[in-house]
Protein backbone atom coordinates (compact mmCIF):
# COMPACT_ATOMS: atom_id res chain seq x y z
CA MET A 1 -0.10 0.20 0.13
CA ALA A 2 3.19 2.43 1.05
CA LYS A 3 4.82 2.16 -2.67
CA GLU A 4 1.13 2.50 -4.35
CA LYS A 5 0.43 5.94 -2.47
CA ILE A 6 4.03 7.20 -3.08
CA GLU A 7 3.50 6.10 -7.09
CA ALA A 8 0.32 7.93 -6.63
CA GLU A 9 1.73 10.97 -5.16
CA LYS A 10 4.48 11.24 -7.91
CA GLN A 11 1.40 11.41 -10.45
CA GLY A 12 -0.80 14.00 -8.67
CA ARG A 13 -3.41 11.33 -7.60
CA GLN A 14 -4.63 10.59 -4.10
CA LEU A 15 -5.15 7.10 -3.03
CA GLU A 16 -8.48 7.25 -0.59
CA HIS A 17 -8.63 4.64 2.24
CA PHE A 18 -11.73 2.48 2.69
CA THR A 19 -12.53 -0.43 4.20
CA GLU A 20 -15.42 -3.05 4.39
CA HIS A 21 -17.59 -1.15 6.51
CA ASP A 22 -17.80 1.35 4.51
CA ILE A 23 -18.69 -0.41 1.45
CA ARG A 24 -21.42 -2.26 4.12
CA ALA A 25 -22.25 1.45 5.47
CA LYS A 26 -22.69 2.27 1.40
CA ASN A 27 -25.19 -0.73 0.80
CA ALA A 28 -27.04 0.17 3.76
CA SER A 29 -27.51 3.65 3.01
CA ASP A 30 -28.54 3.42 -0.19
CA GLU A 31 -32.03 1.29 0.55
CA VAL A 32 -34.64 3.33 0.72
CA ASN A 33 -35.75 2.49 4.56
CA GLU A 34 -33.81 0.56 7.45
CA VAL A 35 -35.88 -2.96 7.35
CA ASP A 36 -34.74 -3.29 3.37
CA ALA A 37 -30.96 -2.24 4.78
CA GLN A 38 -31.20 -4.72 7.49
CA ARG A 39 -32.47 -7.29 5.48
CA ARG A 40 -29.29 -6.74 2.89
CA LEU A 41 -26.92 -6.75 5.53
CA GLY A 42 -28.17 -9.78 7.33
CA HIS A 43 -28.68 -7.83 10.54
CA ALA A 44 -31.15 -9.81 13.40
CA THR A 45 -31.16 -6.81 15.01
CA MET A 46 -32.21 -3.00 13.95
CA LYS A 47 -29.55 -1.61 16.13
CA ALA A 48 -27.26 -3.36 14.37
CA THR A 49 -28.10 -1.91 11.01
CA LYS A 50 -28.42 1.80 12.37
CA THR A 51 -24.42 1.61 13.60
CA TYR A 52 -23.90 1.28 9.45
CA ARG A 53 -26.49 3.43 8.05
CA ARG A 54 -25.04 7.26 7.16
CA LYS A 55 -28.17 8.55 5.56
CA VAL A 56 -29.64 11.41 7.20
CA GLN A 57 -33.43 10.94 8.13
CA LYS A 58 -35.55 14.23 6.16
CA VAL A 59 -37.74 15.70 8.27
CA ALA A 60 -40.72 17.76 7.62
CA PRO A 61 -40.20 21.44 9.49
CA VAL A 62 -42.38 22.76 12.01
CA HIS A 63 -44.67 25.47 11.25
CA ARG A 64 -44.75 27.67 14.43
CA LYS A 65 -47.73 30.08 14.95
CA ASP A 66 -45.25 32.93 16.02
CA ALA A 67 -42.67 32.80 13.17
CA GLN A 68 -42.59 35.62 10.63
């Protein structure tokens, strides 16, 4: 890996480091919902799936009466 990094830097490129966990997180995050992500990853619990899922949950804004 060190030789590849040095060679890439000589060529003006930068190697990104990633692990199997990054790939699993990407797969989990690409799923539409957490249940599908849990099935894809083969987790027995949702807690395990939530550690891999890196997608930000979108929520509706709160409309306040006192907002101008």
